[in-house]
Amino acid sequence: MDRISKFKYAVIVTLTLLLTTFTTSTGANQNSIPRQNQSQQKNCGLVLDPANPYAGATAVLWQDPVDLECRDLFYGPGGPAGAPDPSQNFIYVKRVKTGTQKKIVVKDNRDHEWTVKFGPEARPETVATRIVWAVGYHVDQDYFVPRAHIVGEKSYNACDVRFERRDDGYKDIGNWSWEDNPFQGTPELEGLKVVMALLKNWDLKESNNKILVRKKDPGPQIYYVSDLGATLGRSGSIFNKLPFYGNWPVNVSFAPGKAKGNPYGFDDEGFIKEVRDGKVFFDIRRSHSRHRVNCVPVACARWMGSLLGRLSDKQLADAFCAGGYDRDETAIYVTLLRSRIIALQSL
């Protein structure tokens, strides 16, 4: 065999071994993260925009929740030590002008600042943060407070509000889009889409997605969904089926009360619409959110189902109790979520 032939033979053998290794390695069980292709692995997790002062920093979307079964879904990531004390007065600081819901900034007697959100998003957002956090994604430190007395320049007897910790050790450095981010095609991003579909998040816009770094030690950039208020209700109405109204806001409908945090609205819709060509399509009625969560590979949807399946019914119930839902409402939600999680596991 001449030198050229030996070289060709060596190349063929090497490629065959690599292909065999790759095929074997992709045969992981359903509880492991499905692998990406090589180009996705090369680009995943790096911020490459030279105009970004944090360019080159590692980007993080998900961390393995090794303690998932032990996570406290009543208090969430902030724990009981981080919770606001409603027995004390809060000092009014300023009004927040952004967003569709009324929000103000207050300060407590420990000199901690909080953003207080009023309206129908307070309960579902508190619950949603706990479920998203439980399966490994970053969330804000949110707490539902049934009653809080706010004094100062403006005074409120606030009822059924969401307190979000402002001085939590992170700072906001920008936003990210569902279509353009360092995680395109990765199981972590596909899994996040599954969780958004599970929670019926119909407001998946770029302004609700934030990038954070730690204040004292910047480290990696953390990508997460910062506003989870438009969840746990109905994801659309009759308007969304009409031409040119596919993106019509869900809360502008004949039954706006079912759009956010309503167990009966949540039960109005199905979950998995169909599985086609190895991809999962979800029942989300508002078009812009539907397009962003659809076409999830079956392996990624099953993987996220296996993570969600590790949550006990008590953990799920604790999350809804934390959001101020009563026993009957909690039971409806837990039953629905469990059946939909099983549907993911059975794909």
C-alpha atoms as a PDB file:
ATOM      1  CA  MET A   1       0.000   0.000   0.000  1.00  0.00           C
ATOM      2  CA  ASP A   2       1.551   3.359  -1.060  1.00  0.00           C
ATOM      3  CA  ARG A   3       1.808   6.376   1.223  1.00  0.00           C
ATOM      4  CA  ILE A   4      -1.305   8.126  -0.165  1.00  0.00           C
ATOM      5  CA  SER A   5      -3.420   4.991   0.170  1.00  0.00           C
ATOM      6  CA  LYS A   6      -2.247   4.496   3.759  1.00  0.00           C
ATOM      7  CA  PHE A   7      -3.189   8.089   4.508  1.00  0.00           C
ATOM      8  CA  LYS A   8      -6.684   7.666   3.012  1.00  0.00           C
ATOM      9  CA  TYR A   9      -7.148   4.427   4.938  1.00  0.00           C
ATOM     10  CA  ALA A  10      -6.135   6.121   8.205  1.00  0.00           C
ATOM     11  CA  VAL A  11      -8.571   8.962   7.569  1.00  0.00           C
ATOM     12  CA  ILE A  12     -11.432   6.520   6.908  1.00  0.00           C
ATOM     13  CA  VAL A  13     -10.684   4.538  10.059  1.00  0.00           C
ATOM     14  CA  THR A  14     -10.458   7.693  12.151  1.00  0.00           C
ATOM     15  CA  LEU A  15     -13.767   9.041  10.824  1.00  0.00           C
ATOM     16  CA  THR A  16     -15.436   5.682  11.437  1.00  0.00           C
ATOM     17  CA  LEU A  17     -14.258   5.628  15.046  1.00  0.00           C
ATOM     18  CA  LEU A  18     -15.403   9.188  15.600  1.00  0.00           C
ATOM     19  CA  LEU A  19     -18.814   8.429  14.105  1.00  0.00           C
ATOM     20  CA  THR A  20     -19.171   5.344  16.291  1.00  0.00           C
ATOM     21  CA  THR A  21     -18.226   7.312  19.406  1.00  0.00           C
ATOM     22  CA  PHE A  22     -20.660  10.081  18.546  1.00  0.00           C
ATOM     23  CA  THR A  23     -23.504   7.645  17.878  1.00  0.00           C
ATOM     24  CA  THR A  24     -22.888   5.865  21.164  1.00  0.00           C
ATOM     25  CA  SER A  25     -22.666   9.093  23.153  1.00  0.00           C
ATOM     26  CA  THR A  26     -25.981  10.388  21.815  1.00  0.00           C
ATOM     27  CA  GLY A  27     -27.817   7.342  23.099  1.00  0.00           C
ATOM     28  CA  ALA A  28     -28.286   8.946  26.519  1.00  0.00           C
ATOM     29  CA  ASN A  29     -31.252   8.154  28.702  1.00  0.00           C
ATOM     30  CA  GLN A  30     -34.244  10.458  28.819  1.00  0.00           C
ATOM     31  CA  ASN A  31     -33.132  12.123  32.058  1.00  0.00           C
ATOM     32  CA  SER A  32     -29.897  13.496  30.622  1.00  0.00           C
ATOM     33  CA  ILE A  33     -29.569  16.669  28.569  1.00  0.00           C
ATOM     34  CA  PRO A  34     -29.950  15.905  24.836  1.00  0.00           C
ATOM     35  CA  ARG A  35     -26.743  16.739  22.990  1.00  0.00           C
ATOM     36  CA  GLN A  36     -26.391  19.555  20.468  1.00  0.00           C
ATOM     37  CA  ASN A  37     -24.484  19.320  17.225  1.00  0.00           C
ATOM     38  CA  GLN A  38     -20.851  20.458  17.137  1.00  0.00           C
ATOM     39  CA  SER A  39     -21.532  23.952  15.771  1.00  0.00           C
ATOM     40  CA  GLN A  40     -24.054  24.574  18.547  1.00  0.00           C
ATOM     41  CA  GLN A  41     -21.598  23.367  21.186  1.00  0.00           C
ATOM     42  CA  LYS A  42     -18.895  25.659  19.826  1.00  0.00           C
ATOM     43  CA  ASN A  43     -21.023  28.823  20.070  1.00  0.00           C
ATOM     44  CA  CYS A  44     -23.170  28.012  23.090  1.00  0.00           C
ATOM     45  CA  GLY A  45     -22.536  30.114  26.174  1.00  0.00           C
ATOM     46  CA  LEU A  46     -20.285  32.840  24.740  1.00  0.00           C
ATOM     47  CA  VAL A  47     -21.274  36.467  24.228  1.00  0.00           C
ATOM     48  CA  LEU A  48     -19.644  37.461  20.951  1.00  0.00           C
ATOM     49  CA  ASP A  49     -20.903  41.049  20.451  1.00  0.00           C
ATOM     50  CA  PRO A  50     -17.801  43.302  20.435  1.00  0.00           C
ATOM     51  CA  ALA A  51     -19.946  46.349  21.289  1.00  0.00           C
ATOM     52  CA  ASN A  52     -20.917  44.714  24.577  1.00  0.00           C
ATOM     53  CA  PRO A  53     -18.603  45.764  27.440  1.00  0.00           C
ATOM     54  CA  TYR A  54     -18.977  42.218  28.785  1.00  0.00           C
ATOM     55  CA  ALA A  55     -18.098  40.612  25.445  1.00  0.00           C
ATOM     56  CA  GLY A  56     -16.343  37.293  25.899  1.00  0.00           C
ATOM     57  CA  ALA A  57     -17.997  36.572  29.251  1.00  0.00           C
ATOM     58  CA  THR A  58     -19.626  33.196  29.623  1.00  0.00           C
ATOM     59  CA  ALA A  59     -23.405  33.253  29.211  1.00  0.00           C
ATOM     60  CA  VAL A  60     -25.526  31.081  31.491  1.00  0.00           C
ATOM     61  CA  LEU A  61     -29.175  30.141  31.006  1.00  0.00           C
ATOM     62  CA  TRP A  62     -29.610  27.018  33.137  1.00  0.00           C
ATOM     63  CA  GLN A  63     -27.883  25.224  36.030  1.00  0.00           C
ATOM     64  CA  ASP A  64     -28.501  21.624  36.998  1.00  0.00           C
ATOM     65  CA  PRO A  65     -30.930  21.647  39.971  1.00  0.00           C
ATOM     66  CA  VAL A  66     -29.282  18.775  41.815  1.00  0.00           C
ATOM     67  CA  ASP A  67     -31.369  19.507  44.925  1.00  0.00           C
ATOM     68  CA  LEU A  68     -34.634  19.779  42.994  1.00  0.00           C
ATOM     69  CA  GLU A  69     -36.587  17.392  45.232  1.00  0.00           C
ATOM     70  CA  CYS A  70     -35.592  19.430  48.299  1.00  0.00           C
ATOM     71  CA  ARG A  71     -36.249  22.920  46.965  1.00  0.00           C
ATOM     72  CA  ASP A  72     -38.630  25.048  49.004  1.00  0.00           C
ATOM     73  CA  LEU A  73     -41.287  26.273  46.587  1.00  0.00           C
ATOM     74  CA  PHE A  74     -43.142  28.219  49.246  1.00  0.00           C
ATOM     75  CA  TYR A  75     -40.351  30.731  49.855  1.00  0.00           C
ATOM     76  CA  GLY A  76     -38.516  30.317  46.541  1.00  0.00           C
ATOM     77  CA  PRO A  77     -34.895  31.295  45.826  1.00  0.00           C
ATOM     78  CA  GLY A  78     -34.860  34.088  48.400  1.00  0.00           C
ATOM     79  CA  GLY A  79     -35.832  31.733  51.200  1.00  0.00           C
ATOM     80  CA  PRO A  80     -37.646  32.778  54.386  1.00  0.00           C
ATOM     81  CA  ALA A  81     -34.755  35.050  55.384  1.00  0.00           C
ATOM     82  CA  GLY A  82     -35.242  37.147  52.256  1.00  0.00           C
ATOM     83  CA  ALA A  83     -38.987  37.600  52.623  1.00  0.00           C
ATOM     84  CA  PRO A  84     -40.524  41.022  53.364  1.00  0.00           C
ATOM     85  CA  ASP A  85     -42.047  41.555  56.812  1.00  0.00           C
ATOM     86  CA  PRO A  86     -45.648  42.743  56.312  1.00  0.00           C
ATOM     87  CA  SER A  87     -46.033  43.508  60.017  1.00  0.00           C
ATOM     88  CA  GLN A  88     -43.738  46.526  59.505  1.00  0.00           C
ATOM     89  CA  ASN A  89     -44.462  49.731  57.565  1.00  0.00           C
ATOM     90  CA  PHE A  90     -42.811  50.242  54.169  1.00  0.00           C
ATOM     91  CA  ILE A  91     -41.586  53.669  53.027  1.00  0.00           C
ATOM     92  CA  TYR A  92     -42.718  54.936  49.627  1.00  0.00           C
ATOM     93  CA  VAL A  93     -39.747  55.799  47.381  1.00  0.00           C
ATOM     94  CA  LYS A  94     -41.028  56.360  43.835  1.00  0.00           C
ATOM     95  CA  ARG A  95     -43.410  55.252  41.098  1.00  0.00           C
ATOM     96  CA  VAL A  96     -42.163  52.902  38.358  1.00  0.00           C
ATOM     97  CA  LYS A  97     -43.226  54.263  34.974  1.00  0.00           C
ATOM     98  CA  THR A  98     -42.464  51.213  32.833  1.00  0.00           C
ATOM     99  CA  GLY A  99     -44.767  48.234  32.234  1.00  0.00           C
ATOM    100  CA  THR A 100     -48.525  47.856  32.001  1.00  0.00           C
ATOM    101  CA  GLN A 101     -49.163  47.137  35.694  1.00  0.00           C
ATOM    102  CA  LYS A 102     -48.981  49.717  38.464  1.00  0.00           C
ATOM    103  CA  LYS A 103     -45.644  49.446  40.317  1.00  0.00           C
ATOM    104  CA  ILE A 104     -43.939  51.442  43.045  1.00  0.00           C
ATOM    105  CA  VAL A 105     -40.597  51.188  44.855  1.00  0.00           C
ATOM    106  CA  VAL A 106     -40.600  50.957  48.648  1.00  0.00           C
ATOM    107  CA  LYS A 107     -37.998  50.478  51.366  1.00  0.00           C
ATOM    108  CA  ASP A 108     -38.343  48.336  54.483  1.00  0.00           C
ATOM    109  CA  ASN A 109     -36.951  48.762  57.998  1.00  0.00           C
ATOM    110  CA  ARG A 110     -33.830  46.787  57.029  1.00  0.00           C
ATOM    111  CA  ASP A 111     -33.125  49.339  54.295  1.00  0.00           C
ATOM    112  CA  HIS A 112     -33.972  46.791  51.566  1.00  0.00           C
ATOM    113  CA  GLU A 113     -35.698  48.075  48.444  1.00  0.00           C
ATOM    114  CA  TRP A 114     -38.643  46.317  46.829  1.00  0.00           C
ATOM    115  CA  THR A 115     -40.684  46.800  43.669  1.00  0.00           C
ATOM    116  CA  VAL A 116     -44.340  46.361  44.555  1.00  0.00           C
ATOM    117  CA  LYS A 117     -46.602  45.262  41.698  1.00  0.00           C
ATOM    118  CA  PHE A 118     -50.361  45.724  41.935  1.00  0.00           C
ATOM    119  CA  GLY A 119     -53.027  43.947  39.929  1.00  0.00           C
ATOM    120  CA  PRO A 120     -53.789  40.463  38.561  1.00  0.00           C
ATOM    121  CA  GLU A 121     -50.154  39.484  37.913  1.00  0.00           C
ATOM    122  CA  ALA A 122     -49.128  39.395  41.577  1.00  0.00           C
ATOM    123  CA  ARG A 123     -50.333  35.872  42.288  1.00  0.00           C
ATOM    124  CA  PRO A 124     -49.358  34.011  39.083  1.00  0.00           C
ATOM    125  CA  GLU A 125     -45.940  35.675  38.885  1.00  0.00           C
ATOM    126  CA  THR A 126     -45.072  34.556  42.413  1.00  0.00           C
ATOM    127  CA  VAL A 127     -46.034  30.975  41.576  1.00  0.00           C
ATOM    128  CA  ALA A 128     -44.363  30.923  38.170  1.00  0.00           C
ATOM    129  CA  THR A 129     -41.015  32.119  39.537  1.00  0.00           C
ATOM    130  CA  ARG A 130     -40.913  29.168  41.907  1.00  0.00           C
ATOM    131  CA  ILE A 131     -41.628  26.549  39.235  1.00  0.00           C
ATOM    132  CA  VAL A 132     -39.135  28.057  36.776  1.00  0.00           C
ATOM    133  CA  TRP A 133     -36.483  28.287  39.506  1.00  0.00           C
ATOM    134  CA  ALA A 134     -37.146  24.726  40.659  1.00  0.00           C
ATOM    135  CA  VAL A 135     -36.024  23.260  37.319  1.00  0.00           C
ATOM    136  CA  GLY A 136     -32.797  25.250  37.116  1.00  0.00           C
ATOM    137  CA  TYR A 137     -33.498  28.678  35.630  1.00  0.00           C
ATOM    138  CA  HIS A 138     -32.759  32.051  37.210  1.00  0.00           C
ATOM    139  CA  VAL A 139     -35.720  34.119  38.474  1.00  0.00           C
ATOM    140  CA  ASP A 140     -36.348  37.244  40.516  1.00  0.00           C
ATOM    141  CA  GLN A 141     -36.891  37.011  44.274  1.00  0.00           C
ATOM    142  CA  ASP A 142     -40.667  37.456  44.381  1.00  0.00           C
ATOM    143  CA  TYR A 143     -43.095  37.205  47.287  1.00  0.00           C
ATOM    144  CA  PHE A 144     -46.873  37.542  47.396  1.00  0.00           C
ATOM    145  CA  VAL A 145     -48.049  39.807  50.232  1.00  0.00           C
ATOM    146  CA  PRO A 146     -51.771  39.825  51.107  1.00  0.00           C
ATOM    147  CA  ARG A 147     -51.575  43.168  52.912  1.00  0.00           C
ATOM    148  CA  ALA A 148     -48.871  45.815  53.300  1.00  0.00           C
ATOM    149  CA  HIS A 149     -49.001  49.306  54.805  1.00  0.00           C
ATOM    150  CA  ILE A 150     -46.978  51.844  52.828  1.00  0.00           C
ATOM    151  CA  VAL A 151     -46.293  55.299  54.273  1.00  0.00           C
ATOM    152  CA  GLY A 152     -44.387  58.416  53.275  1.00  0.00           C
ATOM    153  CA  GLU A 153     -44.935  60.815  50.390  1.00  0.00           C
ATOM    154  CA  LYS A 154     -47.787  58.547  49.295  1.00  0.00           C
ATOM    155  CA  SER A 155     -49.600  56.096  51.519  1.00  0.00           C
ATOM    156  CA  TYR A 156     -51.237  52.823  50.544  1.00  0.00           C
ATOM    157  CA  ASN A 157     -52.999  49.976  52.232  1.00  0.00           C
ATOM    158  CA  ALA A 158     -51.852  47.582  49.541  1.00  0.00           C
ATOM    159  CA  CYS A 159     -53.698  44.284  49.155  1.00  0.00           C
ATOM    160  CA  ASP A 160     -52.656  41.177  47.208  1.00  0.00           C
ATOM    161  CA  VAL A 161     -49.416  42.592  45.790  1.00  0.00           C
ATOM    162  CA  ARG A 162     -46.126  41.142  44.633  1.00  0.00           C
ATOM    163  CA  PHE A 163     -42.916  42.271  46.350  1.00  0.00           C
ATOM    164  CA  GLU A 164     -39.765  41.859  44.245  1.00  0.00           C
ATOM    165  CA  ARG A 165     -36.355  42.348  45.854  1.00  0.00           C
ATOM    166  CA  ARG A 166     -34.373  45.116  44.114  1.00  0.00           C
ATOM    167  CA  ASP A 167     -31.057  44.950  45.991  1.00  0.00           C
ATOM    168  CA  ASP A 168     -30.530  41.229  45.357  1.00  0.00           C
ATOM    169  CA  GLY A 169     -26.838  41.408  44.375  1.00  0.00           C
ATOM    170  CA  TYR A 170     -27.364  41.579  40.593  1.00  0.00           C
ATOM    171  CA  LYS A 171     -27.500  44.376  38.044  1.00  0.00           C
ATOM    172  CA  ASP A 172     -29.334  44.507  34.736  1.00  0.00           C
ATOM    173  CA  ILE A 173     -27.102  44.995  31.667  1.00  0.00           C
ATOM    174  CA  GLY A 174     -29.566  44.466  28.823  1.00  0.00           C
ATOM    175  CA  ASN A 175     -32.183  42.326  27.139  1.00  0.00           C
ATOM    176  CA  TRP A 176     -32.128  39.240  24.930  1.00  0.00           C
ATOM    177  CA  SER A 177     -34.499  37.940  22.274  1.00  0.00           C
ATOM    178  CA  TRP A 178     -35.905  34.466  21.713  1.00  0.00           C
ATOM    179  CA  GLU A 179     -34.657  34.521  18.121  1.00  0.00           C
ATOM    180  CA  ASP A 180     -31.111  35.815  18.721  1.00  0.00           C
ATOM    181  CA  ASN A 181     -29.175  34.596  21.757  1.00  0.00           C
ATOM    182  CA  PRO A 182     -26.131  32.425  22.572  1.00  0.00           C
ATOM    183  CA  PHE A 183     -28.275  29.367  23.285  1.00  0.00           C
ATOM    184  CA  GLN A 184     -30.046  28.807  19.966  1.00  0.00           C
ATOM    185  CA  GLY A 185     -30.739  25.109  19.423  1.00  0.00           C
ATOM    186  CA  THR A 186     -29.559  24.036  22.887  1.00  0.00           C
ATOM    187  CA  PRO A 187     -31.622  21.779  25.184  1.00  0.00           C
ATOM    188  CA  GLU A 188     -31.525  24.477  27.863  1.00  0.00           C
ATOM    189  CA  LEU A 189     -33.329  27.021  25.660  1.00  0.00           C
ATOM    190  CA  GLU A 190     -35.732  24.407  24.281  1.00  0.00           C
ATOM    191  CA  GLY A 191     -36.482  23.336  27.862  1.00  0.00           C
ATOM    192  CA  LEU A 192     -37.235  26.934  28.826  1.00  0.00           C
ATOM    193  CA  LYS A 193     -39.726  27.100  25.948  1.00  0.00           C
ATOM    194  CA  VAL A 194     -41.424  24.002  27.327  1.00  0.00           C
ATOM    195  CA  VAL A 195     -41.753  25.591  30.775  1.00  0.00           C
ATOM    196  CA  MET A 196     -43.184  28.781  29.232  1.00  0.00           C
ATOM    197  CA  ALA A 197     -45.730  26.684  27.332  1.00  0.00           C
ATOM    198  CA  LEU A 198     -46.567  24.719  30.483  1.00  0.00           C
ATOM    199  CA  LEU A 199     -47.239  27.953  32.380  1.00  0.00           C
ATOM    200  CA  LYS A 200     -49.175  29.428  29.410  1.00  0.00           C
ATOM    201  CA  ASN A 201     -46.954  32.515  29.247  1.00  0.00           C
ATOM    202  CA  TRP A 202     -48.549  34.559  26.457  1.00  0.00           C
ATOM    203  CA  ASP A 203     -46.318  37.644  26.784  1.00  0.00           C
ATOM    204  CA  LEU A 204     -42.950  36.388  25.529  1.00  0.00           C
ATOM    205  CA  LYS A 205     -41.524  39.687  24.359  1.00  0.00           C
ATOM    206  CA  GLU A 206     -37.901  40.832  24.370  1.00  0.00           C
ATOM    207  CA  SER A 207     -38.437  43.505  27.038  1.00  0.00           C
ATOM    208  CA  ASN A 208     -39.390  40.726  29.473  1.00  0.00           C
ATOM    209  CA  ASN A 209     -36.046  38.941  28.982  1.00  0.00           C
ATOM    210  CA  LYS A 210     -33.084  40.292  30.934  1.00  0.00           C
ATOM    211  CA  ILE A 211     -29.337  39.753  31.156  1.00  0.00           C
ATOM    212  CA  LEU A 212     -27.768  40.125  34.591  1.00  0.00           C
ATOM    213  CA  VAL A 213     -24.322  40.086  36.139  1.00  0.00           C
ATOM    214  CA  ARG A 214     -23.348  40.048  39.791  1.00  0.00           C
ATOM    215  CA  LYS A 215     -22.537  43.492  41.159  1.00  0.00           C
ATOM    216  CA  LYS A 216     -19.427  42.606  43.150  1.00  0.00           C
ATOM    217  CA  ASP A 217     -18.080  39.808  41.001  1.00  0.00           C
ATOM    218  CA  PRO A 218     -19.511  40.108  37.451  1.00  0.00           C
ATOM    219  CA  GLY A 219     -18.610  36.564  36.369  1.00  0.00           C
ATOM    220  CA  PRO A 220     -20.972  35.024  33.800  1.00  0.00           C
ATOM    221  CA  GLN A 221     -23.907  36.774  32.175  1.00  0.00           C
ATOM    222  CA  ILE A 222     -27.202  35.311  33.359  1.00  0.00           C
ATOM    223  CA  TYR A 223     -30.032  35.131  30.821  1.00  0.00           C
ATOM    224  CA  TYR A 224     -33.554  34.769  32.209  1.00  0.00           C
ATOM    225  CA  VAL A 225     -37.239  35.659  31.809  1.00  0.00           C
ATOM    226  CA  SER A 226     -37.860  38.512  34.229  1.00  0.00           C
ATOM    227  CA  ASP A 227     -41.623  39.052  33.908  1.00  0.00           C
ATOM    228  CA  LEU A 228     -43.786  35.970  34.472  1.00  0.00           C
ATOM    229  CA  GLY A 229     -47.047  37.729  35.305  1.00  0.00           C
ATOM    230  CA  ALA A 230     -48.977  36.781  32.144  1.00  0.00           C
ATOM    231  CA  THR A 231     -49.152  33.122  33.121  1.00  0.00           C
ATOM    232  CA  LEU A 232     -51.352  30.402  34.602  1.00  0.00           C
ATOM    233  CA  GLY A 233     -54.472  31.525  32.791  1.00  0.00           C
ATOM    234  CA  ARG A 234     -55.848  31.462  29.280  1.00  0.00           C
ATOM    235  CA  SER A 235     -53.333  32.198  26.497  1.00  0.00           C
ATOM    236  CA  GLY A 236     -55.800  33.639  23.996  1.00  0.00           C
ATOM    237  CA  SER A 237     -59.369  34.440  23.072  1.00  0.00           C
ATOM    238  CA  ILE A 238     -61.676  34.419  20.054  1.00  0.00           C
ATOM    239  CA  PHE A 239     -59.908  37.553  18.788  1.00  0.00           C
ATOM    240  CA  ASN A 240     -56.650  35.635  18.301  1.00  0.00           C
ATOM    241  CA  LYS A 241     -58.342  33.393  15.723  1.00  0.00           C
ATOM    242  CA  LEU A 242     -59.352  36.323  13.508  1.00  0.00           C
ATOM    243  CA  PRO A 243     -57.162  37.588  10.620  1.00  0.00           C
ATOM    244  CA  PHE A 244     -54.715  40.301  11.723  1.00  0.00           C
ATOM    245  CA  TYR A 245     -55.587  39.703  15.407  1.00  0.00           C
ATOM    246  CA  GLY A 246     -53.289  36.778  16.149  1.00  0.00           C
ATOM    247  CA  ASN A 247     -51.184  38.947  18.448  1.00  0.00           C
ATOM    248  CA  TRP A 248     -54.140  40.691  20.123  1.00  0.00           C
ATOM    249  CA  PRO A 249     -53.467  40.994  23.893  1.00  0.00           C
ATOM    250  CA  VAL A 250     -55.250  38.239  25.780  1.00  0.00           C
ATOM    251  CA  ASN A 251     -56.459  40.556  28.529  1.00  0.00           C
ATOM    252  CA  VAL A 252     -58.408  42.565  25.921  1.00  0.00           C
ATOM    253  CA  SER A 253     -61.208  40.054  25.435  1.00  0.00           C
ATOM    254  CA  PHE A 254     -64.670  39.074  26.579  1.00  0.00           C
ATOM    255  CA  ALA A 255     -63.214  37.508  29.743  1.00  0.00           C
ATOM    256  CA  PRO A 256     -60.026  39.393  30.671  1.00  0.00           C
ATOM    257  CA  GLY A 257     -60.098  37.952  34.186  1.00  0.00           C
ATOM    258  CA  LYS A 258     -59.151  34.532  32.815  1.00  0.00           C
ATOM    259  CA  ALA A 259     -55.943  35.732  31.147  1.00  0.00           C
ATOM    260  CA  LYS A 260     -53.694  35.748  34.218  1.00  0.00           C
ATOM    261  CA  GLY A 261     -53.674  33.483  37.235  1.00  0.00           C
ATOM    262  CA  ASN A 262     -57.098  31.942  36.710  1.00  0.00           C
ATOM    263  CA  PRO A 263     -57.324  28.148  37.177  1.00  0.00           C
ATOM    264  CA  TYR A 264     -60.511  27.883  35.105  1.00  0.00           C
ATOM    265  CA  GLY A 265     -58.975  29.844  32.248  1.00  0.00           C
ATOM    266  CA  PHE A 266     -55.890  27.652  32.557  1.00  0.00           C
ATOM    267  CA  ASP A 267     -58.116  24.591  32.209  1.00  0.00           C
ATOM    268  CA  ASP A 268     -59.882  26.041  29.125  1.00  0.00           C
ATOM    269  CA  GLU A 269     -57.011  25.105  26.834  1.00  0.00           C
ATOM    270  CA  GLY A 270     -55.056  21.979  26.090  1.00  0.00           C
ATOM    271  CA  PHE A 271     -51.308  21.683  26.389  1.00  0.00           C
ATOM    272  CA  ILE A 272     -49.650  19.675  23.611  1.00  0.00           C
ATOM    273  CA  LYS A 273     -51.416  20.364  20.337  1.00  0.00           C
ATOM    274  CA  GLU A 274     -49.524  17.864  18.193  1.00  0.00           C
ATOM    275  CA  VAL A 275     -46.216  16.108  17.602  1.00  0.00           C
ATOM    276  CA  ARG A 276     -45.012  16.296  14.016  1.00  0.00           C
ATOM    277  CA  ASP A 277     -41.691  15.348  12.416  1.00  0.00           C
ATOM    278  CA  GLY A 278     -40.059  14.850  15.808  1.00  0.00           C
ATOM    279  CA  LYS A 279     -41.136  18.306  17.057  1.00  0.00           C
ATOM    280  CA  VAL A 280     -43.675  19.303  19.707  1.00  0.00           C
ATOM    281  CA  PHE A 281     -46.277  22.012  19.044  1.00  0.00           C
ATOM    282  CA  PHE A 282     -48.104  23.562  21.988  1.00  0.00           C
ATOM    283  CA  ASP A 283     -51.579  25.002  22.387  1.00  0.00           C
ATOM    284  CA  ILE A 284     -50.780  28.707  22.781  1.00  0.00           C
ATOM    285  CA  ARG A 285     -53.352  30.975  21.140  1.00  0.00           C
ATOM    286  CA  ARG A 286     -51.538  34.304  20.987  1.00  0.00           C
ATOM    287  CA  SER A 287     -49.454  34.074  17.830  1.00  0.00           C
ATOM    288  CA  HIS A 288     -46.180  35.761  18.811  1.00  0.00           C
ATOM    289  CA  SER A 289     -45.798  33.572  21.882  1.00  0.00           C
ATOM    290  CA  ARG A 290     -46.912  30.440  20.032  1.00  0.00           C
ATOM    291  CA  HIS A 291     -44.201  30.906  17.411  1.00  0.00           C
ATOM    292  CA  ARG A 292     -41.546  31.260  20.109  1.00  0.00           C
ATOM    293  CA  VAL A 293     -42.347  28.053  21.972  1.00  0.00           C
ATOM    294  CA  ASN A 294     -43.262  25.745  19.088  1.00  0.00           C
ATOM    295  CA  CYS A 295     -41.118  23.186  17.256  1.00  0.00           C
ATOM    296  CA  VAL A 296     -39.352  21.888  20.375  1.00  0.00           C
ATOM    297  CA  PRO A 297     -37.522  18.603  19.684  1.00  0.00           C
ATOM    298  CA  VAL A 298     -39.232  15.672  21.369  1.00  0.00           C
ATOM    299  CA  ALA A 299     -36.034  14.725  23.234  1.00  0.00           C
ATOM    300  CA  CYS A 300     -35.787  18.206  24.783  1.00  0.00           C
ATOM    301  CA  ALA A 301     -39.467  18.262  25.771  1.00  0.00           C
ATOM    302  CA  ARG A 302     -39.121  14.819  27.347  1.00  0.00           C
ATOM    303  CA  TRP A 303     -35.983  15.907  29.202  1.00  0.00           C
ATOM    304  CA  MET A 304     -37.776  18.902  30.712  1.00  0.00           C
ATOM    305  CA  GLY A 305     -40.715  16.654  31.552  1.00  0.00           C
ATOM    306  CA  SER A 306     -38.349  14.401  33.501  1.00  0.00           C
ATOM    307  CA  LEU A 307     -37.085  17.384  35.515  1.00  0.00           C
ATOM    308  CA  LEU A 308     -40.589  18.682  36.225  1.00  0.00           C
ATOM    309  CA  GLY A 309     -41.645  15.142  37.126  1.00  0.00           C
ATOM    310  CA  ARG A 310     -39.213  15.168  40.042  1.00  0.00           C
ATOM    311  CA  LEU A 311     -41.328  17.836  41.748  1.00  0.00           C
ATOM    312  CA  SER A 312     -43.757  16.411  44.287  1.00  0.00           C
ATOM    313  CA  ASP A 313     -47.404  17.431  44.483  1.00  0.00           C
ATOM    314  CA  LYS A 314     -46.591  19.061  47.818  1.00  0.00           C
ATOM    315  CA  GLN A 315     -43.899  21.228  46.218  1.00  0.00           C
ATOM    316  CA  LEU A 316     -46.320  22.299  43.505  1.00  0.00           C
ATOM    317  CA  ALA A 317     -49.006  23.007  46.097  1.00  0.00           C
ATOM    318  CA  ASP A 318     -46.528  25.042  48.154  1.00  0.00           C
ATOM    319  CA  ALA A 319     -45.851  27.250  45.110  1.00  0.00           C
ATOM    320  CA  PHE A 320     -49.555  28.047  44.726  1.00  0.00           C
ATOM    321  CA  CYS A 321     -49.999  28.605  48.452  1.00  0.00           C
ATOM    322  CA  ALA A 322     -47.126  31.092  48.218  1.00  0.00           C
ATOM    323  CA  GLY A 323     -49.125  32.916  45.537  1.00  0.00           C
ATOM    324  CA  GLY A 324     -52.179  33.273  47.747  1.00  0.00           C
ATOM    325  CA  TYR A 325     -54.377  30.653  46.063  1.00  0.00           C
ATOM    326  CA  ASP A 326     -56.941  28.849  48.188  1.00  0.00           C
ATOM    327  CA  ARG A 327     -57.123  25.084  48.650  1.00  0.00           C
ATOM    328  CA  ASP A 328     -59.597  24.439  45.825  1.00  0.00           C
ATOM    329  CA  GLU A 329     -57.718  26.579  43.305  1.00  0.00           C
ATOM    330  CA  THR A 330     -54.442  24.945  44.296  1.00  0.00           C
ATOM    331  CA  ALA A 331     -55.900  21.465  43.825  1.00  0.00           C
ATOM    332  CA  ILE A 332     -57.076  22.356  40.296  1.00  0.00           C
ATOM    333  CA  TYR A 333     -53.674  23.699  39.326  1.00  0.00           C
ATOM    334  CA  VAL A 334     -51.702  20.798  40.790  1.00  0.00           C
ATOM    335  CA  THR A 335     -53.924  18.244  39.025  1.00  0.00           C
ATOM    336  CA  LEU A 336     -53.617  20.033  35.685  1.00  0.00           C
ATOM    337  CA  LEU A 337     -49.856  20.500  35.957  1.00  0.00           C
ATOM    338  CA  ARG A 338     -49.293  16.887  36.947  1.00  0.00           C
ATOM    339  CA  SER A 339     -51.269  15.594  33.958  1.00  0.00           C
ATOM    340  CA  ARG A 340     -49.367  17.894  31.583  1.00  0.00           C
ATOM    341  CA  ILE A 341     -46.015  16.919  33.047  1.00  0.00           C
ATOM    342  CA  ILE A 342     -46.928  13.264  32.514  1.00  0.00           C
ATOM    343  CA  ALA A 343     -47.790  14.107  28.903  1.00  0.00           C
ATOM    344  CA  LEU A 344     -44.249  15.476  28.448  1.00  0.00           C
ATOM    345  CA  GLN A 345     -42.699  12.396  30.044  1.00  0.00           C
ATOM    346  CA  SER A 346     -44.763  10.139  27.772  1.00  0.00           C
ATOM    347  CA  LEU A 347     -43.637  11.733  24.498  1.00  0.00           C
END
